[in-house]
Protein backbone atom coordinates (compact mmCIF):
# COMPACT_ATOMS: atom_id res chain seq x y z
CA MET A 1 0.00 0.00 -0.03
CA ALA A 2 1.23 3.47 -0.87
CA LYS A 3 2.20 5.90 2.00
CA HIS A 4 1.61 9.52 1.64
CA MET A 5 2.86 12.79 3.21
CA ARG A 6 1.82 16.43 2.59
CA ILE A 7 4.37 19.04 3.57
CA PHE A 8 4.28 22.89 3.80
CA TRP A 9 7.69 24.47 2.93
CA GLY A 10 6.83 28.13 3.32
CA PRO A 11 7.40 30.83 0.58
CA HIS A 12 10.21 30.27 -1.80
CA VAL A 13 11.20 31.37 -5.41
CA GLY A 14 13.53 29.77 -7.82
CA ARG A 15 15.39 26.41 -7.30
CA LEU A 16 14.89 24.54 -3.95
CA VAL A 17 16.59 21.24 -2.92
CA CYS A 18 14.07 19.52 -0.49
CA THR A 19 14.84 16.60 1.80
CA VAL A 20 12.26 14.49 3.53
CA ASN A 21 13.43 12.19 6.35
CA TRP A 22 10.93 9.57 5.93
CA SER A 23 11.59 7.21 8.86
CA SER A 24 11.39 9.84 11.60
CA ILE A 25 7.96 10.88 10.31
CA ARG A 26 6.21 7.59 9.30
CA GLY A 27 8.35 4.80 10.88
CA ASP A 28 8.39 3.13 7.43
CA ARG A 29 11.37 2.05 5.48
CA LEU A 30 12.45 4.11 2.47
CA THR A 31 15.42 2.64 0.27
CA GLY A 32 17.11 3.50 -2.84
CA ASP A 33 14.84 1.10 -4.69
CA SER A 34 11.67 2.81 -3.40
CA VAL A 35 9.36 4.15 -5.99
CA VAL A 36 8.58 7.80 -4.95
CA LEU A 37 6.35 10.37 -6.63
CA VAL A 38 6.32 14.08 -5.79
CA SER A 39 3.87 16.78 -6.64
CA ALA A 40 4.13 20.44 -5.94
CA CYS A 41 1.82 23.41 -5.96
CA GLU A 42 1.10 26.85 -4.70
CA GLY A 43 -1.18 27.27 -1.64
CA ILE A 44 -2.41 29.33 1.28
CA ARG A 45 -1.61 28.57 4.82
CA GLU A 46 -3.78 30.32 7.37
CA THR A 47 -2.06 30.58 10.67
CA ASN A 48 -4.04 30.40 13.93
CA SER A 49 -6.81 28.87 11.98
CA THR A 50 -8.79 25.61 12.04
CA ALA A 51 -9.59 26.12 8.28
CA PRO A 52 -8.09 23.66 5.84
CA ASN A 53 -4.99 24.78 3.96
CA ASP A 54 -6.03 25.51 0.37
CA ARG A 55 -3.69 24.37 -2.41
CA MET A 56 -4.32 26.02 -5.90
CA VAL A 57 -3.06 26.35 -9.50
CA GLY A 58 -1.90 30.01 -9.93
CA ASP A 59 -0.03 31.65 -12.66
CA ALA A 60 3.39 30.37 -11.60
CA ASN A 61 5.00 27.17 -12.76
CA PHE A 62 6.03 24.70 -10.17
CA THR A 63 8.32 21.97 -11.46
CA VAL A 64 9.58 18.88 -9.56
CA SER A 65 12.58 17.00 -10.85
CA SER A 66 15.60 14.71 -9.76
CA ILE A 67 13.71 12.73 -7.32
CA ALA A 68 16.36 10.75 -5.45
CA PRO A 69 15.15 8.17 -2.83
CA ARG A 70 17.85 6.70 -0.48
CA PHE A 71 17.78 4.95 2.99
CA ASN A 72 15.12 6.66 5.04
CA ALA A 73 15.00 9.76 3.10
CA VAL A 74 14.13 11.28 -0.24
CA SER A 75 15.53 14.45 -1.89
CA PHE A 76 13.94 16.35 -4.87
CA VAL A 77 14.24 19.62 -6.50
CA VAL A 78 11.42 22.06 -6.93
CA ASP A 79 11.68 25.03 -9.18
CA ILE A 80 9.17 27.93 -8.67
CA ASN A 81 9.12 30.11 -11.77
CA TRP A 82 7.88 33.51 -10.45
CA PHE A 83 9.25 36.95 -9.47
CA GLU A 84 8.45 36.69 -5.76
CA PRO A 85 8.32 34.01 -3.15
CA LEU A 86 5.17 31.78 -3.25
CA ASN A 87 3.95 29.18 -0.62
CA LEU A 88 5.11 25.78 -1.54
CA TRP A 89 3.18 22.57 -0.72
CA THR A 90 4.39 19.14 -1.79
CA ASP A 91 2.81 15.68 -1.78
CA VAL A 92 5.22 12.95 -1.51
CA THR A 93 3.94 9.36 -2.14
CA VAL A 94 6.06 6.19 -1.43
CA PHE A 95 4.82 2.97 -3.14
CA GLU A 96 5.36 -0.48 -1.84
CA GLU A 97 8.66 -2.20 -2.98
CA ASN A 98 8.04 -4.61 -5.84
CA GLU A 99 10.27 -6.83 -7.75
CA ARG A 100 12.60 -4.69 -10.02
CA VAL A 101 11.75 -5.19 -13.75
CA VAL A 102 13.55 -3.44 -16.49
CA GLN A 103 11.28 -3.06 -19.53
CA GLY A 104 13.88 -1.55 -21.76
CA PHE A 105 16.73 0.96 -22.10
CA VAL A 106 17.67 3.77 -24.37
CA THR A 107 21.15 3.88 -26.11
CA ARG A 108 22.51 6.79 -28.01
């Protein structure tokens, strides 16, 4: 079964390297063979409020790249293409480990 975590990183602009220490939060094992997906978006975080935190699609582009799982952590890059800092939310999903199957490869 997949495990999921939503993280608020605060306001940022440009390139940001993010690292999530998975074991300290979930107690689950993450390895270099784990399959991890990350999504990122802009959002509002209301402080001192019981209202839900709203995530949204604004005019800025949020791009996730270089997702690199390792033992008990995952690092990835988020690039926020905007002229001022925007609130960054990420969703990190780790899937159960399965047998590794290589379907093909590309040569040049």
